[in-house]
Amino acid sequence: MKVLNLYAGIGGNRKLWSNVDITAVEINPEIAKVYQTFFPKDNVIVGDAHEYLLEHFKEFDYIWDSPPCPTHSQVRQNLRVVNGDCKPVYPDMSLYQEIILLKHNFKGKWTVENTISYYEPLITPIKLGGHYFWTNFYVPDKDFVRRGIIDHSGEKAKPATVQDLQKTRFNLDNFDITDKRQLLRNCVEPELGLHLLKSAFAKSDSNLVFWGNYEFTPNQPSL
């Protein structure tokens, strides 16, 4: 099965995937190098994911798409813009361009992920684990906690440290890269990434579907 992982970052959503042929696209060479270290068998392309999707979407069976989220973010708009820390910007409409392209042209399974926006979404998503998702398949509801984003261990909640985030994502101690905390925060939780992939292929015309260490029978709901 051929999988396209767009705006791959360091691969949070991809961490628990197995038995698939993955092409990952990441525009930042420094980040792409980290991804390749963790997933040496993946085909990693340094380039523009938006353009790559348009040119190559027909070549894959499943597409995961996580376009940039800052311009849609509640935190940026409701805290930083409102408080005068930064200026208002146009929301990046490539998010909706990609949803529409996939919905009307792609014959395989697809997932588009983004932050929960400060405005009413222009295309209705599902909400799961602190994210918005648009898909062309049924996704069973499941509780996912954004582990490590906020540290609640003390008397007062505070932003998680790099060490906190590394416990549930990746250990970046051996990498000389900037803003490790932001890279880790940008990761989709691995369990959530697996849940979406399993949901996409939980049904099959064959007698059995084997997915990593998981086995499905036809019409059996995932998870």
N, C-alpha and C. Protein backbone atom coordinates (compact mmCIF):
# COMPACT_ATOMS: atom_id res chain seq x y z
N MET A 1 0.84 -1.20 0.00
CA MET A 1 0.00 0.00 0.00
C MET A 1 0.88 1.24 0.00
N LYS A 2 0.57 2.16 -0.88
CA LYS A 2 1.37 3.38 -1.01
C LYS A 2 0.69 4.52 -0.27
N VAL A 3 1.45 5.14 0.64
CA VAL A 3 0.92 6.20 1.50
C VAL A 3 1.71 7.49 1.27
N LEU A 4 1.01 8.59 1.14
CA LEU A 4 1.63 9.91 1.01
C LEU A 4 1.42 10.68 2.31
N ASN A 5 2.49 11.12 2.93
CA ASN A 5 2.46 11.85 4.19
C ASN A 5 2.92 13.28 3.93
N LEU A 6 1.98 14.21 3.87
CA LEU A 6 2.29 15.58 3.46
C LEU A 6 2.47 16.50 4.67
N TYR A 7 3.34 17.49 4.50
CA TYR A 7 3.72 18.39 5.60
C TYR A 7 4.17 17.52 6.79
N ALA A 8 5.13 16.66 6.52
CA ALA A 8 5.42 15.52 7.40
C ALA A 8 6.01 15.91 8.75
N GLY A 9 6.67 17.08 8.84
CA GLY A 9 7.33 17.42 10.10
C GLY A 9 8.33 16.34 10.48
N ILE A 10 8.36 15.96 11.75
CA ILE A 10 9.26 14.89 12.17
C ILE A 10 8.52 13.55 12.30
N GLY A 11 7.22 13.54 11.94
CA GLY A 11 6.54 12.26 11.79
C GLY A 11 5.71 11.77 12.94
N GLY A 12 5.09 12.66 13.70
CA GLY A 12 4.27 12.22 14.82
C GLY A 12 3.14 11.30 14.40
N ASN A 13 2.36 11.70 13.39
CA ASN A 13 1.24 10.88 12.94
C ASN A 13 1.69 9.54 12.37
N ARG A 14 2.91 9.49 11.83
CA ARG A 14 3.40 8.32 11.14
C ARG A 14 4.09 7.31 12.07
N LYS A 15 4.37 7.68 13.29
CA LYS A 15 5.24 6.91 14.18
C LYS A 15 4.81 5.46 14.34
N LEU A 16 3.52 5.17 14.44
CA LEU A 16 3.04 3.82 14.71
C LEU A 16 2.56 3.10 13.45
N TRP A 17 2.72 3.70 12.27
CA TRP A 17 2.32 3.03 11.04
C TRP A 17 3.32 1.93 10.71
N SER A 18 2.83 0.84 10.12
CA SER A 18 3.72 -0.25 9.73
C SER A 18 3.18 -0.92 8.48
N ASN A 19 4.07 -1.65 7.79
CA ASN A 19 3.70 -2.44 6.61
C ASN A 19 3.11 -1.59 5.49
N VAL A 20 3.64 -0.37 5.32
CA VAL A 20 3.20 0.48 4.22
C VAL A 20 4.41 1.13 3.56
N ASP A 21 4.25 1.50 2.31
CA ASP A 21 5.29 2.17 1.52
C ASP A 21 5.00 3.67 1.57
N ILE A 22 5.85 4.42 2.29
CA ILE A 22 5.53 5.81 2.61
C ILE A 22 6.44 6.79 1.86
N THR A 23 5.82 7.78 1.25
CA THR A 23 6.51 8.95 0.72
C THR A 23 6.13 10.14 1.60
N ALA A 24 7.13 10.80 2.15
CA ALA A 24 6.90 11.95 3.04
C ALA A 24 7.43 13.20 2.38
N VAL A 25 6.68 14.30 2.48
CA VAL A 25 7.08 15.57 1.89
C VAL A 25 7.17 16.61 3.00
N GLU A 26 8.35 17.24 3.12
CA GLU A 26 8.60 18.27 4.12
C GLU A 26 9.47 19.35 3.49
N ILE A 27 9.08 20.61 3.63
CA ILE A 27 9.76 21.68 2.93
C ILE A 27 11.06 22.12 3.62
N ASN A 28 11.17 21.90 4.93
CA ASN A 28 12.35 22.33 5.67
C ASN A 28 13.40 21.22 5.67
N PRO A 29 14.57 21.44 5.04
CA PRO A 29 15.58 20.37 4.96
C PRO A 29 16.05 19.88 6.32
N GLU A 30 16.15 20.78 7.29
CA GLU A 30 16.60 20.40 8.62
C GLU A 30 15.61 19.44 9.28
N ILE A 31 14.33 19.74 9.14
CA ILE A 31 13.30 18.88 9.71
C ILE A 31 13.20 17.57 8.94
N ALA A 32 13.31 17.65 7.62
CA ALA A 32 13.27 16.44 6.80
C ALA A 32 14.39 15.47 7.17
N LYS A 33 15.54 15.99 7.53
CA LYS A 33 16.67 15.14 7.93
C LYS A 33 16.36 14.40 9.22
N VAL A 34 15.69 15.07 10.15
CA VAL A 34 15.29 14.41 11.39
C VAL A 34 14.29 13.30 11.09
N TYR A 35 13.29 13.60 10.27
CA TYR A 35 12.30 12.60 9.88
C TYR A 35 12.99 11.38 9.28
N GLN A 36 13.92 11.60 8.35
CA GLN A 36 14.60 10.50 7.68
C GLN A 36 15.40 9.64 8.66
N THR A 37 15.95 10.28 9.71
CA THR A 37 16.68 9.53 10.73
C THR A 37 15.75 8.57 11.47
N PHE A 38 14.56 9.03 11.79
CA PHE A 38 13.61 8.17 12.51
C PHE A 38 12.98 7.12 11.60
N PHE A 39 12.84 7.45 10.32
CA PHE A 39 12.16 6.54 9.39
C PHE A 39 13.02 6.35 8.13
N PRO A 40 14.12 5.64 8.25
CA PRO A 40 15.08 5.54 7.15
C PRO A 40 14.54 4.84 5.90
N LYS A 41 13.49 4.05 6.03
CA LYS A 41 12.95 3.34 4.86
C LYS A 41 11.94 4.17 4.09
N ASP A 42 11.50 5.30 4.65
CA ASP A 42 10.56 6.15 3.94
C ASP A 42 11.27 6.94 2.84
N ASN A 43 10.56 7.22 1.78
CA ASN A 43 11.06 8.09 0.73
C ASN A 43 10.76 9.53 1.12
N VAL A 44 11.77 10.28 1.53
CA VAL A 44 11.58 11.65 2.03
C VAL A 44 11.94 12.65 0.94
N ILE A 45 10.99 13.52 0.63
CA ILE A 45 11.19 14.54 -0.41
C ILE A 45 11.17 15.92 0.25
N VAL A 46 12.20 16.70 -0.01
CA VAL A 46 12.24 18.07 0.47
C VAL A 46 11.60 18.94 -0.61
N GLY A 47 10.43 19.46 -0.30
CA GLY A 47 9.74 20.24 -1.31
C GLY A 47 8.41 20.78 -0.81
N ASP A 48 7.67 21.39 -1.71
CA ASP A 48 6.39 22.04 -1.42
C ASP A 48 5.28 20.98 -1.45
N ALA A 49 4.71 20.66 -0.30
CA ALA A 49 3.68 19.62 -0.22
C ALA A 49 2.43 20.00 -1.00
N HIS A 50 2.09 21.28 -1.03
CA HIS A 50 0.90 21.74 -1.75
C HIS A 50 1.01 21.42 -3.24
N GLU A 51 2.15 21.69 -3.82
CA GLU A 51 2.36 21.42 -5.24
C GLU A 51 2.54 19.92 -5.48
N TYR A 52 3.21 19.24 -4.58
CA TYR A 52 3.44 17.80 -4.74
C TYR A 52 2.09 17.06 -4.75
N LEU A 53 1.18 17.45 -3.88
CA LEU A 53 -0.13 16.83 -3.85
C LEU A 53 -0.83 16.97 -5.19
N LEU A 54 -0.83 18.15 -5.75
CA LEU A 54 -1.51 18.40 -7.02
C LEU A 54 -0.94 17.54 -8.14
N GLU A 55 0.36 17.36 -8.14
CA GLU A 55 1.03 16.66 -9.24
C GLU A 55 1.05 15.14 -9.08
N HIS A 56 0.92 14.63 -7.84
CA HIS A 56 1.18 13.20 -7.61
C HIS A 56 0.06 12.46 -6.87
N PHE A 57 -1.08 13.09 -6.58
CA PHE A 57 -2.07 12.44 -5.71
C PHE A 57 -2.58 11.12 -6.28
N LYS A 58 -2.60 10.95 -7.59
CA LYS A 58 -3.13 9.74 -8.19
C LYS A 58 -2.24 8.51 -7.96
N GLU A 59 -1.04 8.73 -7.46
CA GLU A 59 -0.07 7.64 -7.33
C GLU A 59 -0.19 6.88 -6.01
N PHE A 60 -1.14 7.26 -5.15
CA PHE A 60 -1.17 6.71 -3.79
C PHE A 60 -2.53 6.10 -3.45
N ASP A 61 -2.49 5.23 -2.41
CA ASP A 61 -3.70 4.58 -1.92
C ASP A 61 -4.30 5.34 -0.74
N TYR A 62 -3.44 5.99 0.04
CA TYR A 62 -3.90 6.76 1.21
C TYR A 62 -3.06 8.02 1.31
N ILE A 63 -3.72 9.13 1.61
CA ILE A 63 -3.01 10.41 1.75
C ILE A 63 -3.34 11.01 3.10
N TRP A 64 -2.29 11.34 3.85
CA TRP A 64 -2.41 12.12 5.09
C TRP A 64 -1.89 13.52 4.80
N ASP A 65 -2.67 14.52 5.16
CA ASP A 65 -2.35 15.89 4.80
C ASP A 65 -2.52 16.79 6.03
N SER A 66 -1.45 17.42 6.48
CA SER A 66 -1.50 18.33 7.64
C SER A 66 -0.96 19.70 7.26
N PRO A 67 -1.73 20.49 6.50
CA PRO A 67 -1.24 21.80 6.07
C PRO A 67 -1.02 22.73 7.26
N PRO A 68 -0.19 23.77 7.09
CA PRO A 68 0.16 24.67 8.20
C PRO A 68 -1.08 25.24 8.89
N CYS A 69 -0.99 25.30 10.23
CA CYS A 69 -2.17 25.68 11.01
C CYS A 69 -2.13 27.06 11.67
N PRO A 70 -0.98 27.77 11.77
CA PRO A 70 -0.96 29.01 12.56
C PRO A 70 -2.01 30.04 12.18
N THR A 71 -2.31 30.20 10.89
CA THR A 71 -3.27 31.24 10.50
C THR A 71 -4.71 30.87 10.82
N HIS A 72 -4.94 29.62 11.22
CA HIS A 72 -6.28 29.18 11.61
C HIS A 72 -6.43 29.06 13.12
N SER A 73 -5.35 29.25 13.84
CA SER A 73 -5.25 28.90 15.25
C SER A 73 -6.06 29.81 16.16
N GLN A 74 -6.77 29.20 17.11
CA GLN A 74 -7.46 29.96 18.14
C GLN A 74 -6.49 30.74 19.01
N VAL A 75 -5.36 30.12 19.34
CA VAL A 75 -4.38 30.76 20.22
C VAL A 75 -3.84 32.03 19.58
N ARG A 76 -3.47 31.95 18.31
CA ARG A 76 -2.91 33.13 17.64
C ARG A 76 -3.93 34.26 17.59
N GLN A 77 -5.16 33.92 17.17
CA GLN A 77 -6.17 34.96 16.99
C GLN A 77 -6.70 35.48 18.32
N ASN A 78 -7.11 34.57 19.20
CA ASN A 78 -7.84 34.97 20.41
C ASN A 78 -6.94 35.47 21.53
N LEU A 79 -5.65 35.15 21.46
CA LEU A 79 -4.72 35.63 22.48
C LEU A 79 -3.75 36.65 21.92
N ARG A 80 -2.97 36.25 20.92
CA ARG A 80 -1.90 37.12 20.44
C ARG A 80 -2.42 38.31 19.65
N VAL A 81 -3.36 38.06 18.74
CA VAL A 81 -3.89 39.17 17.95
C VAL A 81 -4.72 40.10 18.83
N VAL A 82 -5.60 39.52 19.63
CA VAL A 82 -6.46 40.33 20.51
C VAL A 82 -5.63 41.16 21.48
N ASN A 83 -4.51 40.61 21.96
CA ASN A 83 -3.65 41.33 22.91
C ASN A 83 -2.65 42.25 22.23
N GLY A 84 -2.66 42.28 20.90
CA GLY A 84 -1.76 43.17 20.17
C GLY A 84 -0.35 42.64 20.01
N ASP A 85 -0.12 41.36 20.29
CA ASP A 85 1.22 40.80 20.14
C ASP A 85 1.59 40.51 18.70
N CYS A 86 0.61 40.36 17.83
CA CYS A 86 0.88 40.15 16.41
C CYS A 86 -0.30 40.68 15.60
N LYS A 87 -0.09 40.82 14.31
CA LYS A 87 -1.11 41.41 13.44
C LYS A 87 -2.05 40.34 12.89
N PRO A 88 -3.27 40.71 12.57
CA PRO A 88 -4.17 39.78 11.88
C PRO A 88 -3.59 39.40 10.52
N VAL A 89 -3.87 38.19 10.09
CA VAL A 89 -3.42 37.72 8.78
C VAL A 89 -4.59 37.02 8.09
N TYR A 90 -4.50 36.88 6.78
CA TYR A 90 -5.48 36.08 6.06
C TYR A 90 -5.30 34.61 6.43
N PRO A 91 -6.37 33.88 6.72
CA PRO A 91 -6.23 32.43 6.87
C PRO A 91 -5.71 31.81 5.58
N ASP A 92 -4.83 30.85 5.71
CA ASP A 92 -4.23 30.18 4.56
C ASP A 92 -5.26 29.23 3.94
N MET A 93 -5.79 29.60 2.79
CA MET A 93 -6.87 28.84 2.17
C MET A 93 -6.38 27.60 1.43
N SER A 94 -5.08 27.32 1.46
CA SER A 94 -4.60 26.07 0.88
C SER A 94 -5.21 24.87 1.61
N LEU A 95 -5.56 25.04 2.88
CA LEU A 95 -6.24 23.99 3.63
C LEU A 95 -7.49 23.54 2.88
N TYR A 96 -8.35 24.48 2.50
CA TYR A 96 -9.61 24.13 1.85
C TYR A 96 -9.40 23.75 0.39
N GLN A 97 -8.39 24.31 -0.25
CA GLN A 97 -8.05 23.88 -1.61
C GLN A 97 -7.73 22.40 -1.64
N GLU A 98 -6.97 21.95 -0.66
CA GLU A 98 -6.56 20.55 -0.64
C GLU A 98 -7.72 19.62 -0.29
N ILE A 99 -8.58 20.04 0.63
CA ILE A 99 -9.76 19.24 0.95
C ILE A 99 -10.63 19.06 -0.30
N ILE A 100 -10.89 20.15 -1.02
CA ILE A 100 -11.75 20.10 -2.20
C ILE A 100 -11.10 19.25 -3.30
N LEU A 101 -9.81 19.41 -3.49
CA LEU A 101 -9.10 18.60 -4.50
C LEU A 101 -9.27 17.11 -4.20
N LEU A 102 -9.01 16.72 -2.96
CA LEU A 102 -9.08 15.31 -2.60
C LEU A 102 -10.52 14.78 -2.69
N LYS A 103 -11.46 15.57 -2.20
CA LYS A 103 -12.85 15.14 -2.18
C LYS A 103 -13.38 14.83 -3.57
N HIS A 104 -12.98 15.62 -4.55
CA HIS A 104 -13.56 15.50 -5.88
C HIS A 104 -12.68 14.76 -6.90
N ASN A 105 -11.44 14.47 -6.54
CA ASN A 105 -10.55 13.89 -7.54
C ASN A 105 -9.80 12.63 -7.10
N PHE A 106 -9.64 12.43 -5.80
CA PHE A 106 -8.82 11.31 -5.34
C PHE A 106 -9.70 10.09 -5.09
N LYS A 107 -9.30 8.94 -5.65
CA LYS A 107 -10.09 7.72 -5.56
C LYS A 107 -9.75 6.88 -4.33
N GLY A 108 -8.66 7.18 -3.64
CA GLY A 108 -8.27 6.42 -2.47
C GLY A 108 -8.84 7.01 -1.19
N LYS A 109 -8.27 6.61 -0.06
CA LYS A 109 -8.67 7.14 1.24
C LYS A 109 -7.80 8.34 1.58
N TRP A 110 -8.39 9.32 2.27
CA TRP A 110 -7.61 10.51 2.60
C TRP A 110 -8.03 11.10 3.93
N THR A 111 -7.06 11.78 4.56
CA THR A 111 -7.26 12.48 5.82
C THR A 111 -6.59 13.84 5.73
N VAL A 112 -7.32 14.88 6.06
CA VAL A 112 -6.74 16.22 6.21
C VAL A 112 -6.89 16.61 7.67
N GLU A 113 -5.79 17.03 8.28
CA GLU A 113 -5.77 17.38 9.71
C GLU A 113 -5.39 18.84 9.88
N ASN A 114 -6.02 19.49 10.85
CA ASN A 114 -5.64 20.86 11.17
C ASN A 114 -6.06 21.19 12.60
N THR A 115 -5.63 22.36 13.05
CA THR A 115 -6.00 22.82 14.38
C THR A 115 -7.48 23.19 14.43
N ILE A 116 -8.03 23.26 15.63
CA ILE A 116 -9.39 23.76 15.80
C ILE A 116 -9.35 25.28 15.57
N SER A 117 -10.08 25.74 14.60
CA SER A 117 -9.96 27.12 14.14
C SER A 117 -10.74 28.09 15.01
N TYR A 118 -10.36 29.37 14.92
CA TYR A 118 -11.05 30.42 15.67
C TYR A 118 -12.35 30.84 14.99
N TYR A 119 -12.57 30.38 13.77
CA TYR A 119 -13.78 30.70 13.02
C TYR A 119 -14.54 29.39 12.74
N GLU A 120 -15.78 29.50 12.34
CA GLU A 120 -16.56 28.33 11.96
C GLU A 120 -15.98 27.75 10.67
N PRO A 121 -15.61 26.46 10.67
CA PRO A 121 -14.98 25.88 9.47
C PRO A 121 -15.86 26.03 8.23
N LEU A 122 -15.23 26.31 7.11
CA LEU A 122 -15.97 26.48 5.86
C LEU A 122 -16.47 25.15 5.33
N ILE A 123 -15.79 24.07 5.65
CA ILE A 123 -16.23 22.71 5.35
C ILE A 123 -16.26 21.97 6.67
N THR A 124 -17.37 21.31 6.98
CA THR A 124 -17.55 20.71 8.30
C THR A 124 -16.59 19.55 8.53
N PRO A 125 -15.79 19.59 9.61
CA PRO A 125 -14.89 18.49 9.95
C PRO A 125 -15.48 17.63 11.07
N ILE A 126 -14.73 16.61 11.47
CA ILE A 126 -14.98 15.97 12.75
C ILE A 126 -13.93 16.49 13.72
N LYS A 127 -14.24 16.41 15.01
CA LYS A 127 -13.32 16.89 16.04
C LYS A 127 -12.87 15.68 16.85
N LEU A 128 -11.56 15.49 16.96
CA LEU A 128 -11.02 14.33 17.64
C LEU A 128 -9.66 14.67 18.22
N GLY A 129 -9.51 14.44 19.53
CA GLY A 129 -8.21 14.63 20.16
C GLY A 129 -7.64 16.03 20.05
N GLY A 130 -8.49 17.06 20.06
CA GLY A 130 -7.99 18.42 19.96
C GLY A 130 -7.61 18.84 18.55
N HIS A 131 -8.07 18.11 17.55
CA HIS A 131 -7.79 18.43 16.14
C HIS A 131 -9.09 18.43 15.36
N TYR A 132 -9.08 19.10 14.20
CA TYR A 132 -10.11 18.93 13.19
C TYR A 132 -9.60 17.92 12.18
N PHE A 133 -10.50 17.04 11.70
CA PHE A 133 -10.17 16.10 10.63
C PHE A 133 -11.27 16.13 9.58
N TRP A 134 -10.84 16.09 8.32
CA TRP A 134 -11.72 15.89 7.19
C TRP A 134 -11.29 14.58 6.54
N THR A 135 -12.22 13.68 6.29
CA THR A 135 -11.89 12.38 5.70
C THR A 135 -13.00 11.97 4.74
N ASN A 136 -12.74 10.92 3.97
CA ASN A 136 -13.79 10.31 3.14
C ASN A 136 -14.14 8.91 3.64
N PHE A 137 -13.97 8.68 4.96
CA PHE A 137 -14.32 7.40 5.56
C PHE A 137 -14.79 7.64 7.00
N TYR A 138 -15.45 6.64 7.54
CA TYR A 138 -15.98 6.74 8.90
C TYR A 138 -14.85 6.60 9.92
N VAL A 139 -14.83 7.49 10.90
CA VAL A 139 -13.83 7.45 11.97
C VAL A 139 -14.57 7.28 13.30
N PRO A 140 -14.43 6.13 13.97
CA PRO A 140 -15.08 5.95 15.27
C PRO A 140 -14.57 6.96 16.28
N ASP A 141 -15.48 7.46 17.10
CA ASP A 141 -15.07 8.39 18.15
C ASP A 141 -14.25 7.67 19.20
N LYS A 142 -13.29 8.35 19.76
CA LYS A 142 -12.42 7.77 20.78
C LYS A 142 -11.78 8.91 21.54
N ASP A 143 -11.62 8.74 22.84
CA ASP A 143 -11.01 9.78 23.65
C ASP A 143 -9.50 9.79 23.46
N PHE A 144 -8.98 10.94 23.07
CA PHE A 144 -7.54 11.14 22.96
C PHE A 144 -7.18 12.40 23.73
N VAL A 145 -6.23 12.29 24.61
CA VAL A 145 -5.76 13.44 25.38
C VAL A 145 -4.48 13.93 24.74
N ARG A 146 -4.37 15.25 24.58
CA ARG A 146 -3.14 15.82 24.00
C ARG A 146 -2.05 15.80 25.06
N ARG A 147 -1.50 14.63 25.26
CA ARG A 147 -0.54 14.42 26.34
C ARG A 147 0.72 15.24 26.16
N GLY A 148 1.12 15.91 27.23
CA GLY A 148 2.38 16.62 27.22
C GLY A 148 2.30 18.07 26.79
N ILE A 149 1.19 18.50 26.21
CA ILE A 149 1.07 19.88 25.77
C ILE A 149 1.04 20.83 26.98
N ILE A 150 0.28 20.43 27.99
CA ILE A 150 0.21 21.19 29.22
C ILE A 150 0.58 20.28 30.39
N ASP A 151 1.42 20.77 31.27
CA ASP A 151 1.85 20.01 32.44
C ASP A 151 0.94 20.37 33.62
N HIS A 152 0.16 19.40 34.08
CA HIS A 152 -0.76 19.62 35.18
C HIS A 152 -0.25 19.01 36.49
N SER A 153 1.01 18.65 36.54
CA SER A 153 1.53 17.91 37.69
C SER A 153 1.69 18.78 38.94
N GLY A 154 1.89 20.07 38.77
CA GLY A 154 2.08 20.97 39.91
C GLY A 154 0.80 21.64 40.35
N GLU A 155 0.95 22.64 41.21
CA GLU A 155 -0.23 23.35 41.68
C GLU A 155 -0.86 24.20 40.58
N LYS A 156 -0.06 24.62 39.62
CA LYS A 156 -0.54 25.48 38.55
C LYS A 156 -0.15 24.88 37.20
N ALA A 157 -1.11 24.78 36.30
CA ALA A 157 -0.82 24.25 34.97
C ALA A 157 0.16 25.16 34.24
N LYS A 158 1.05 24.56 33.48
CA LYS A 158 2.05 25.33 32.74
C LYS A 158 2.38 24.62 31.44
N PRO A 159 2.92 25.35 30.45
CA PRO A 159 3.29 24.71 29.19
C PRO A 159 4.30 23.60 29.41
N ALA A 160 4.14 22.52 28.67
CA ALA A 160 5.06 21.39 28.80
C ALA A 160 6.44 21.75 28.28
N THR A 161 7.45 21.16 28.88
CA THR A 161 8.83 21.35 28.46
C THR A 161 9.16 20.38 27.33
N VAL A 162 10.34 20.57 26.74
CA VAL A 162 10.83 19.63 25.72
C VAL A 162 10.89 18.23 26.30
N GLN A 163 11.37 18.10 27.53
CA GLN A 163 11.49 16.79 28.16
C GLN A 163 10.11 16.14 28.34
N ASP A 164 9.11 16.95 28.70
CA ASP A 164 7.74 16.42 28.82
C ASP A 164 7.24 15.88 27.48
N LEU A 165 7.43 16.67 26.45
CA LEU A 165 6.92 16.31 25.13
C LEU A 165 7.63 15.09 24.55
N GLN A 166 8.91 14.95 24.85
CA GLN A 166 9.67 13.84 24.31
C GLN A 166 9.20 12.49 24.85
N LYS A 167 8.53 12.49 25.99
CA LYS A 167 8.08 11.23 26.59
C LYS A 167 7.05 10.52 25.72
N THR A 168 6.26 11.28 24.96
CA THR A 168 5.20 10.67 24.16
C THR A 168 5.40 10.86 22.66
N ARG A 169 6.49 11.50 22.25
CA ARG A 169 6.71 11.74 20.83
C ARG A 169 8.07 11.20 20.38
N PHE A 170 9.09 12.04 20.33
CA PHE A 170 10.42 11.62 19.89
C PHE A 170 11.47 12.22 20.81
N ASN A 171 12.57 11.52 20.96
CA ASN A 171 13.72 12.05 21.71
C ASN A 171 14.63 12.79 20.73
N LEU A 172 14.76 14.10 20.94
CA LEU A 172 15.56 14.93 20.04
C LEU A 172 16.89 15.36 20.65
N ASP A 173 17.30 14.70 21.71
CA ASP A 173 18.52 15.10 22.41
C ASP A 173 19.75 15.09 21.51
N ASN A 174 19.78 14.18 20.53
CA ASN A 174 20.96 14.04 19.68
C ASN A 174 20.93 14.91 18.44
N PHE A 175 19.94 15.78 18.35
CA PHE A 175 19.80 16.62 17.15
C PHE A 175 20.09 18.08 17.49
N ASP A 176 20.90 18.72 16.67
CA ASP A 176 21.22 20.13 16.82
C ASP A 176 20.25 20.92 15.94
N ILE A 177 19.03 21.12 16.41
CA ILE A 177 18.00 21.80 15.65
C ILE A 177 17.36 22.88 16.51
N THR A 178 16.79 23.86 15.85
CA THR A 178 16.19 24.98 16.56
C THR A 178 14.75 24.67 16.95
N ASP A 179 14.32 25.24 18.05
CA ASP A 179 12.93 25.19 18.52
C ASP A 179 12.39 23.76 18.58
N LYS A 180 13.06 22.93 19.35
CA LYS A 180 12.62 21.54 19.51
C LYS A 180 11.21 21.46 20.08
N ARG A 181 10.91 22.38 20.99
CA ARG A 181 9.60 22.34 21.63
C ARG A 181 8.48 22.51 20.60
N GLN A 182 8.66 23.46 19.68
CA GLN A 182 7.62 23.68 18.68
C GLN A 182 7.50 22.49 17.74
N LEU A 183 8.62 21.88 17.38
CA LEU A 183 8.57 20.69 16.53
C LEU A 183 7.78 19.58 17.19
N LEU A 184 8.01 19.38 18.47
CA LEU A 184 7.30 18.33 19.20
C LEU A 184 5.83 18.66 19.38
N ARG A 185 5.54 19.93 19.64
CA ARG A 185 4.14 20.35 19.78
C ARG A 185 3.37 20.16 18.48
N ASN A 186 4.06 20.31 17.34
CA ASN A 186 3.41 20.17 16.05
C ASN A 186 3.06 18.73 15.71
N CYS A 187 3.62 17.78 16.43
CA CYS A 187 3.36 16.37 16.14
C CYS A 187 1.92 15.99 16.48
N VAL A 188 1.26 15.32 15.55
CA VAL A 188 0.01 14.66 15.89
C VAL A 188 0.35 13.45 16.75
N GLU A 189 -0.43 13.21 17.81
CA GLU A 189 -0.15 12.09 18.70
C GLU A 189 -0.12 10.79 17.89
N PRO A 190 0.92 9.97 18.08
CA PRO A 190 1.05 8.74 17.29
C PRO A 190 -0.17 7.84 17.36
N GLU A 191 -0.79 7.72 18.54
CA GLU A 191 -1.97 6.85 18.66
C GLU A 191 -3.13 7.38 17.82
N LEU A 192 -3.21 8.68 17.71
CA LEU A 192 -4.27 9.29 16.90
C LEU A 192 -4.01 9.05 15.41
N GLY A 193 -2.75 9.17 15.00
CA GLY A 193 -2.40 8.88 13.62
C GLY A 193 -2.73 7.45 13.24
N LEU A 194 -2.46 6.51 14.15
CA LEU A 194 -2.76 5.10 13.90
C LEU A 194 -4.27 4.88 13.84
N HIS A 195 -5.01 5.54 14.70
CA HIS A 195 -6.47 5.40 14.72
C HIS A 195 -7.08 5.80 13.38
N LEU A 196 -6.60 6.88 12.79
CA LEU A 196 -7.11 7.32 11.50
C LEU A 196 -6.77 6.33 10.40
N LEU A 197 -5.54 5.83 10.40
CA LEU A 197 -5.13 4.90 9.36
C LEU A 197 -5.89 3.58 9.47
N LYS A 198 -6.06 3.07 10.67
CA LYS A 198 -6.82 1.85 10.88
C LYS A 198 -8.28 2.04 10.48
N SER A 199 -8.84 3.19 10.78
CA SER A 199 -10.22 3.47 10.42
C SER A 199 -10.41 3.48 8.90
N ALA A 200 -9.42 4.00 8.20
CA ALA A 200 -9.52 4.09 6.74
C ALA A 200 -9.59 2.72 6.09
N PHE A 201 -8.94 1.72 6.70
CA PHE A 201 -8.85 0.41 6.08
C PHE A 201 -9.42 -0.69 6.97
N ALA A 202 -10.43 -0.36 7.75
CA ALA A 202 -11.03 -1.34 8.65
C ALA A 202 -11.94 -2.30 7.92
N LYS A 203 -12.31 -2.00 6.69
CA LYS A 203 -13.17 -2.88 5.91
C LYS A 203 -12.45 -3.30 4.64
N SER A 204 -12.74 -4.52 4.19
CA SER A 204 -12.07 -5.02 3.01
C SER A 204 -12.93 -6.07 2.34
N ASP A 205 -12.74 -6.24 1.05
CA ASP A 205 -13.44 -7.30 0.32
C ASP A 205 -12.80 -8.66 0.56
N SER A 206 -11.60 -8.67 1.09
CA SER A 206 -10.92 -9.93 1.35
C SER A 206 -11.43 -10.54 2.65
N ASN A 207 -11.04 -11.76 2.93
CA ASN A 207 -11.50 -12.45 4.13
C ASN A 207 -10.93 -11.84 5.39
N LEU A 208 -9.71 -11.40 5.33
CA LEU A 208 -9.06 -10.81 6.49
C LEU A 208 -8.18 -9.67 6.06
N VAL A 209 -8.07 -8.69 6.91
CA VAL A 209 -7.14 -7.58 6.67
C VAL A 209 -6.15 -7.57 7.82
N PHE A 210 -4.87 -7.67 7.51
CA PHE A 210 -3.84 -7.61 8.54
C PHE A 210 -3.18 -6.24 8.47
N TRP A 211 -3.12 -5.57 9.62
CA TRP A 211 -2.55 -4.21 9.66
C TRP A 211 -1.57 -4.14 10.80
N GLY A 212 -0.28 -4.27 10.49
CA GLY A 212 0.71 -4.31 11.55
C GLY A 212 0.42 -5.50 12.45
N ASN A 213 0.19 -5.27 13.73
CA ASN A 213 -0.16 -6.32 14.67
C ASN A 213 -1.66 -6.47 14.84
N TYR A 214 -2.44 -5.82 13.98
CA TYR A 214 -3.89 -5.84 14.12
C TYR A 214 -4.51 -6.65 13.00
N GLU A 215 -5.58 -7.35 13.31
CA GLU A 215 -6.30 -8.15 12.34
C GLU A 215 -7.76 -7.70 12.32
N PHE A 216 -8.29 -7.47 11.13
CA PHE A 216 -9.68 -7.08 10.99
C PHE A 216 -10.42 -8.09 10.13
N THR A 217 -11.68 -8.30 10.41
CA THR A 217 -12.56 -9.06 9.54
C THR A 217 -13.46 -8.09 8.83
N PRO A 218 -14.01 -8.45 7.68
CA PRO A 218 -14.85 -7.51 6.92
C PRO A 218 -15.98 -6.93 7.76
N ASN A 219 -16.19 -5.62 7.60
CA ASN A 219 -17.26 -4.87 8.26
C ASN A 219 -17.11 -4.77 9.76
N GLN A 220 -15.97 -5.16 10.29
CA GLN A 220 -15.72 -5.00 11.72
C GLN A 220 -15.25 -3.57 11.97
N PRO A 221 -15.91 -2.81 12.84
CA PRO A 221 -15.45 -1.43 13.07
C PRO A 221 -14.07 -1.42 13.71
N SER A 222 -13.26 -0.43 13.31
CA SER A 222 -11.93 -0.33 13.89
C SER A 222 -12.01 0.08 15.34
N LEU A 223 -10.98 -0.33 16.09
CA LEU A 223 -10.89 -0.02 17.52
C LEU A 223 -12.16 -0.43 18.25
